[in-house]
Amino acid sequence: MKARTGKLDYSSPNGVYAYDKASRAWVLLNEEASPLTPKERVSVIYFDNSLCPVCRRYDEVWYPFIDSNLDALKDFGLYIVYCNWFTQDCTSLKASLDIHRVRRQGLADNCPRIK
């Protein structure tokens, strides 16, 4: 059974989560699947470190934003790539591959925290 939750926290497994709008829950994607390739034309991906105090503060904005804007986001893919700490402690190969793919493709050029 896949992990499902309304909000990720310290006890949530590392991995890549997709938002299931019908159940309003974050669903842990299969670890054996290929790295995240969103099926939607436009996706919002939140790279979240469970041990990062700034990320924990951002969660106070992220989750209410998703909940209050579901109608506007109905055509968007919503994902969380979740590790304890991407550069040092990630128990999910899928999640750690995704952050390295972002770096490799130059998508992090404007984000000094993940360079």
N, C-alpha and C. Protein backbone atom coordinates (compact mmCIF):
# COMPACT_ATOMS: atom_id res chain seq x y z
N MET A 1 0.84 -1.20 0.00
CA MET A 1 0.00 0.00 0.00
C MET A 1 0.88 1.25 0.00
N LYS A 2 0.51 2.22 -0.79
CA LYS A 2 1.26 3.47 -0.86
C LYS A 2 0.93 4.35 0.33
N ALA A 3 1.95 5.06 0.82
CA ALA A 3 1.73 6.01 1.91
C ALA A 3 0.89 7.17 1.41
N ARG A 4 -0.10 7.57 2.20
CA ARG A 4 -0.97 8.70 1.87
C ARG A 4 -1.04 9.59 3.11
N THR A 5 -0.97 10.88 2.89
CA THR A 5 -1.05 11.80 4.01
C THR A 5 -1.55 13.16 3.54
N GLY A 6 -2.15 13.91 4.45
CA GLY A 6 -2.58 15.26 4.13
C GLY A 6 -1.44 16.24 4.19
N LYS A 7 -0.41 15.91 4.98
CA LYS A 7 0.74 16.79 5.15
C LYS A 7 1.94 15.94 5.54
N LEU A 8 3.08 16.17 4.86
CA LEU A 8 4.28 15.42 5.20
C LEU A 8 4.89 15.98 6.48
N ASP A 9 5.51 15.09 7.26
CA ASP A 9 6.21 15.51 8.47
C ASP A 9 7.41 14.60 8.68
N TYR A 10 8.08 14.74 9.83
CA TYR A 10 9.31 14.00 10.09
C TYR A 10 9.14 12.49 9.96
N SER A 11 7.94 11.99 10.21
CA SER A 11 7.73 10.54 10.14
C SER A 11 7.42 10.05 8.73
N SER A 12 7.25 10.95 7.78
CA SER A 12 6.94 10.57 6.40
C SER A 12 8.18 9.98 5.74
N PRO A 13 8.01 8.91 4.97
CA PRO A 13 9.16 8.33 4.27
C PRO A 13 9.71 9.28 3.22
N ASN A 14 11.01 9.25 3.02
CA ASN A 14 11.62 10.00 1.93
C ASN A 14 11.10 9.44 0.61
N GLY A 15 10.94 10.31 -0.38
CA GLY A 15 10.46 9.86 -1.68
C GLY A 15 9.81 10.98 -2.45
N VAL A 16 9.17 10.62 -3.53
CA VAL A 16 8.46 11.58 -4.37
C VAL A 16 6.96 11.34 -4.17
N TYR A 17 6.25 12.42 -3.87
CA TYR A 17 4.82 12.37 -3.61
C TYR A 17 4.07 13.14 -4.69
N ALA A 18 2.93 12.61 -5.08
CA ALA A 18 2.03 13.31 -6.01
C ALA A 18 0.75 13.62 -5.25
N TYR A 19 0.17 14.77 -5.55
CA TYR A 19 -1.08 15.15 -4.87
C TYR A 19 -2.26 14.54 -5.60
N ASP A 20 -3.05 13.77 -4.88
CA ASP A 20 -4.28 13.20 -5.41
C ASP A 20 -5.41 14.15 -5.05
N LYS A 21 -5.88 14.89 -6.04
CA LYS A 21 -6.87 15.93 -5.78
C LYS A 21 -8.21 15.36 -5.31
N ALA A 22 -8.56 14.16 -5.77
CA ALA A 22 -9.83 13.55 -5.38
C ALA A 22 -9.88 13.24 -3.89
N SER A 23 -8.78 12.73 -3.35
CA SER A 23 -8.76 12.40 -1.92
C SER A 23 -8.09 13.48 -1.07
N ARG A 24 -7.56 14.52 -1.76
CA ARG A 24 -6.86 15.61 -1.06
C ARG A 24 -5.74 15.07 -0.18
N ALA A 25 -4.95 14.18 -0.78
CA ALA A 25 -3.84 13.56 -0.03
C ALA A 25 -2.60 13.47 -0.91
N TRP A 26 -1.45 13.51 -0.26
CA TRP A 26 -0.17 13.29 -0.93
C TRP A 26 0.09 11.79 -0.95
N VAL A 27 0.39 11.26 -2.12
CA VAL A 27 0.58 9.82 -2.29
C VAL A 27 2.04 9.56 -2.68
N LEU A 28 2.69 8.69 -1.92
CA LEU A 28 4.07 8.32 -2.20
C LEU A 28 4.12 7.50 -3.48
N LEU A 29 4.92 7.95 -4.45
CA LEU A 29 5.04 7.24 -5.72
C LEU A 29 5.94 6.02 -5.56
N ASN A 30 5.75 5.06 -6.44
CA ASN A 30 6.52 3.82 -6.43
C ASN A 30 8.02 4.12 -6.53
N GLU A 31 8.78 3.61 -5.60
CA GLU A 31 10.22 3.86 -5.56
C GLU A 31 10.95 3.23 -6.75
N GLU A 32 10.42 2.14 -7.28
CA GLU A 32 11.08 1.45 -8.39
C GLU A 32 10.84 2.13 -9.73
N ALA A 33 9.90 3.04 -9.79
CA ALA A 33 9.61 3.72 -11.05
C ALA A 33 10.77 4.65 -11.43
N SER A 34 10.76 5.08 -12.66
CA SER A 34 11.81 5.99 -13.12
C SER A 34 11.71 7.32 -12.38
N PRO A 35 12.75 8.14 -12.45
CA PRO A 35 12.68 9.46 -11.81
C PRO A 35 11.46 10.24 -12.29
N LEU A 36 11.05 11.18 -11.50
CA LEU A 36 9.83 11.94 -11.77
C LEU A 36 9.85 12.58 -13.16
N THR A 37 8.88 12.22 -13.94
CA THR A 37 8.60 12.86 -15.22
C THR A 37 7.11 13.18 -15.20
N PRO A 38 6.76 14.40 -14.80
CA PRO A 38 5.35 14.74 -14.67
C PRO A 38 4.57 14.50 -15.96
N LYS A 39 3.36 13.95 -15.81
CA LYS A 39 2.51 13.70 -16.98
C LYS A 39 1.74 14.94 -17.38
N GLU A 40 1.58 15.88 -16.48
CA GLU A 40 0.84 17.11 -16.77
C GLU A 40 1.73 18.07 -17.56
N ARG A 41 1.08 18.94 -18.30
CA ARG A 41 1.83 19.92 -19.09
C ARG A 41 2.58 20.90 -18.19
N VAL A 42 1.95 21.29 -17.08
CA VAL A 42 2.57 22.20 -16.12
C VAL A 42 2.50 21.56 -14.74
N SER A 43 3.62 21.56 -14.04
CA SER A 43 3.67 20.97 -12.71
C SER A 43 4.38 21.91 -11.75
N VAL A 44 3.99 21.81 -10.49
CA VAL A 44 4.66 22.53 -9.42
C VAL A 44 5.34 21.47 -8.57
N ILE A 45 6.65 21.61 -8.40
CA ILE A 45 7.42 20.63 -7.64
C ILE A 45 8.08 21.35 -6.47
N TYR A 46 7.78 20.87 -5.28
CA TYR A 46 8.36 21.42 -4.04
C TYR A 46 9.46 20.47 -3.59
N PHE A 47 10.70 20.93 -3.58
CA PHE A 47 11.82 20.16 -3.08
C PHE A 47 11.94 20.46 -1.60
N ASP A 48 11.66 19.46 -0.78
CA ASP A 48 11.47 19.66 0.66
C ASP A 48 12.44 18.79 1.46
N ASN A 49 13.21 19.41 2.34
CA ASN A 49 14.09 18.71 3.28
C ASN A 49 13.39 18.63 4.63
N SER A 50 13.23 17.42 5.16
CA SER A 50 12.53 17.29 6.44
C SER A 50 13.32 17.88 7.61
N LEU A 51 14.65 17.96 7.50
CA LEU A 51 15.48 18.47 8.59
C LEU A 51 15.81 19.96 8.45
N CYS A 52 15.25 20.61 7.46
CA CYS A 52 15.54 22.02 7.20
C CYS A 52 14.52 22.92 7.92
N PRO A 53 14.98 23.76 8.86
CA PRO A 53 14.04 24.63 9.56
C PRO A 53 13.30 25.60 8.64
N VAL A 54 13.95 26.08 7.59
CA VAL A 54 13.30 27.00 6.65
C VAL A 54 12.19 26.27 5.89
N CYS A 55 12.45 25.02 5.51
CA CYS A 55 11.41 24.23 4.83
C CYS A 55 10.21 24.02 5.75
N ARG A 56 10.46 23.76 7.01
CA ARG A 56 9.35 23.56 7.95
C ARG A 56 8.52 24.84 8.04
N ARG A 57 9.15 26.00 8.01
CA ARG A 57 8.42 27.26 8.03
C ARG A 57 7.65 27.45 6.72
N TYR A 58 8.26 27.06 5.60
CA TYR A 58 7.59 27.19 4.30
C TYR A 58 6.36 26.29 4.22
N ASP A 59 6.40 25.16 4.91
CA ASP A 59 5.24 24.27 4.94
C ASP A 59 3.99 25.00 5.43
N GLU A 60 4.18 25.98 6.30
CA GLU A 60 3.05 26.76 6.83
C GLU A 60 2.38 27.59 5.73
N VAL A 61 3.08 27.80 4.63
CA VAL A 61 2.53 28.51 3.47
C VAL A 61 2.09 27.51 2.39
N TRP A 62 2.93 26.51 2.14
CA TRP A 62 2.71 25.56 1.05
C TRP A 62 1.37 24.83 1.17
N TYR A 63 1.15 24.15 2.28
CA TYR A 63 -0.06 23.33 2.41
C TYR A 63 -1.34 24.16 2.37
N PRO A 64 -1.43 25.29 3.07
CA PRO A 64 -2.64 26.13 2.93
C PRO A 64 -2.82 26.68 1.51
N PHE A 65 -1.71 27.00 0.83
CA PHE A 65 -1.80 27.48 -0.55
C PHE A 65 -2.43 26.42 -1.45
N ILE A 66 -1.97 25.18 -1.33
CA ILE A 66 -2.53 24.09 -2.14
C ILE A 66 -4.01 23.92 -1.82
N ASP A 67 -4.34 23.85 -0.54
CA ASP A 67 -5.74 23.63 -0.13
C ASP A 67 -6.67 24.74 -0.61
N SER A 68 -6.21 25.97 -0.55
CA SER A 68 -7.09 27.09 -0.89
C SER A 68 -7.12 27.41 -2.38
N ASN A 69 -6.27 26.77 -3.18
CA ASN A 69 -6.21 27.06 -4.61
C ASN A 69 -6.43 25.85 -5.50
N LEU A 70 -7.08 24.82 -4.97
CA LEU A 70 -7.28 23.59 -5.74
C LEU A 70 -8.01 23.82 -7.06
N ASP A 71 -9.00 24.69 -7.06
CA ASP A 71 -9.72 24.95 -8.32
C ASP A 71 -8.78 25.55 -9.37
N ALA A 72 -7.98 26.51 -8.97
CA ALA A 72 -7.05 27.16 -9.90
C ALA A 72 -5.93 26.21 -10.34
N LEU A 73 -5.62 25.22 -9.50
CA LEU A 73 -4.53 24.29 -9.79
C LEU A 73 -5.02 22.97 -10.40
N LYS A 74 -6.27 22.91 -10.81
CA LYS A 74 -6.86 21.64 -11.24
C LYS A 74 -6.13 21.00 -12.42
N ASP A 75 -5.51 21.78 -13.28
CA ASP A 75 -4.80 21.23 -14.43
C ASP A 75 -3.30 21.07 -14.20
N PHE A 76 -2.84 21.41 -13.01
CA PHE A 76 -1.43 21.34 -12.67
C PHE A 76 -1.12 20.02 -11.97
N GLY A 77 0.07 19.48 -12.24
CA GLY A 77 0.57 18.38 -11.43
C GLY A 77 1.21 18.98 -10.19
N LEU A 78 0.97 18.40 -9.05
CA LEU A 78 1.53 18.89 -7.79
C LEU A 78 2.37 17.77 -7.18
N TYR A 79 3.64 18.07 -6.91
CA TYR A 79 4.57 17.05 -6.43
C TYR A 79 5.42 17.60 -5.29
N ILE A 80 5.84 16.69 -4.43
CA ILE A 80 6.84 17.00 -3.41
C ILE A 80 7.95 15.97 -3.55
N VAL A 81 9.18 16.44 -3.70
CA VAL A 81 10.36 15.57 -3.65
C VAL A 81 10.91 15.76 -2.25
N TYR A 82 10.87 14.69 -1.46
CA TYR A 82 11.06 14.80 0.00
C TYR A 82 12.23 13.94 0.48
N CYS A 83 13.20 14.56 1.10
CA CYS A 83 14.35 13.87 1.71
C CYS A 83 14.60 14.44 3.09
N ASN A 84 15.37 13.72 3.89
CA ASN A 84 15.80 14.30 5.17
C ASN A 84 16.67 15.51 4.89
N TRP A 85 17.69 15.32 4.04
CA TRP A 85 18.57 16.40 3.59
C TRP A 85 19.15 15.94 2.26
N PHE A 86 18.85 16.64 1.17
CA PHE A 86 19.20 16.17 -0.17
C PHE A 86 20.68 15.86 -0.34
N THR A 87 21.54 16.72 0.17
CA THR A 87 22.97 16.55 -0.09
C THR A 87 23.64 15.54 0.83
N GLN A 88 22.97 15.14 1.92
CA GLN A 88 23.65 14.28 2.89
C GLN A 88 22.85 13.06 3.33
N ASP A 89 21.53 13.15 3.35
CA ASP A 89 20.74 12.10 4.00
C ASP A 89 19.40 11.95 3.29
N CYS A 90 19.39 11.09 2.27
CA CYS A 90 18.14 10.82 1.56
C CYS A 90 18.02 9.32 1.37
N THR A 91 17.00 8.73 1.96
CA THR A 91 16.82 7.28 1.89
C THR A 91 16.05 6.84 0.66
N SER A 92 15.69 7.78 -0.21
CA SER A 92 14.95 7.46 -1.43
C SER A 92 15.82 7.72 -2.65
N LEU A 93 16.12 6.66 -3.38
CA LEU A 93 16.89 6.83 -4.60
C LEU A 93 16.10 7.68 -5.59
N LYS A 94 14.80 7.47 -5.68
CA LYS A 94 13.95 8.24 -6.60
C LYS A 94 14.05 9.74 -6.30
N ALA A 95 13.92 10.12 -5.03
CA ALA A 95 13.98 11.54 -4.66
C ALA A 95 15.38 12.11 -4.88
N SER A 96 16.40 11.37 -4.53
CA SER A 96 17.76 11.90 -4.70
C SER A 96 18.12 12.00 -6.18
N LEU A 97 17.64 11.09 -7.02
CA LEU A 97 17.88 11.20 -8.46
C LEU A 97 17.21 12.44 -9.03
N ASP A 98 16.02 12.77 -8.57
CA ASP A 98 15.31 13.93 -9.10
C ASP A 98 16.03 15.23 -8.79
N ILE A 99 16.57 15.38 -7.58
CA ILE A 99 17.27 16.63 -7.27
C ILE A 99 18.56 16.73 -8.08
N HIS A 100 19.23 15.62 -8.33
CA HIS A 100 20.44 15.65 -9.14
C HIS A 100 20.12 15.91 -10.61
N ARG A 101 18.98 15.43 -11.08
CA ARG A 101 18.56 15.70 -12.45
C ARG A 101 18.29 17.19 -12.64
N VAL A 102 17.69 17.83 -11.64
CA VAL A 102 17.43 19.28 -11.71
C VAL A 102 18.75 20.02 -11.82
N ARG A 103 19.73 19.63 -11.02
CA ARG A 103 21.05 20.28 -11.08
C ARG A 103 21.67 20.09 -12.46
N ARG A 104 21.66 18.86 -12.95
CA ARG A 104 22.32 18.51 -14.20
C ARG A 104 21.70 19.25 -15.38
N GLN A 105 20.41 19.46 -15.37
CA GLN A 105 19.74 20.12 -16.49
C GLN A 105 19.80 21.63 -16.39
N GLY A 106 20.47 22.15 -15.37
CA GLY A 106 20.61 23.60 -15.24
C GLY A 106 19.36 24.29 -14.73
N LEU A 107 18.40 23.53 -14.23
CA LEU A 107 17.16 24.13 -13.75
C LEU A 107 17.34 24.86 -12.43
N ALA A 108 18.48 24.61 -11.77
CA ALA A 108 18.71 25.22 -10.46
C ALA A 108 19.54 26.49 -10.56
N ASP A 109 19.81 26.97 -11.76
CA ASP A 109 20.68 28.11 -11.93
C ASP A 109 20.26 29.35 -11.15
N ASN A 110 18.99 29.53 -10.97
CA ASN A 110 18.49 30.71 -10.24
C ASN A 110 18.16 30.41 -8.77
N CYS A 111 18.58 29.25 -8.31
CA CYS A 111 18.30 28.86 -6.93
C CYS A 111 19.59 28.47 -6.24
N PRO A 112 20.28 29.41 -5.60
CA PRO A 112 21.61 29.12 -5.03
C PRO A 112 21.58 28.06 -3.95
N ARG A 113 20.45 27.78 -3.32
CA ARG A 113 20.40 26.80 -2.24
C ARG A 113 20.57 25.37 -2.73
N ILE A 114 20.30 25.09 -4.04
CA ILE A 114 20.43 23.72 -4.51
C ILE A 114 21.52 23.58 -5.57
N LYS A 115 22.39 24.55 -5.71
CA LYS A 115 23.51 24.44 -6.66
C LYS A 115 24.57 23.53 -6.10
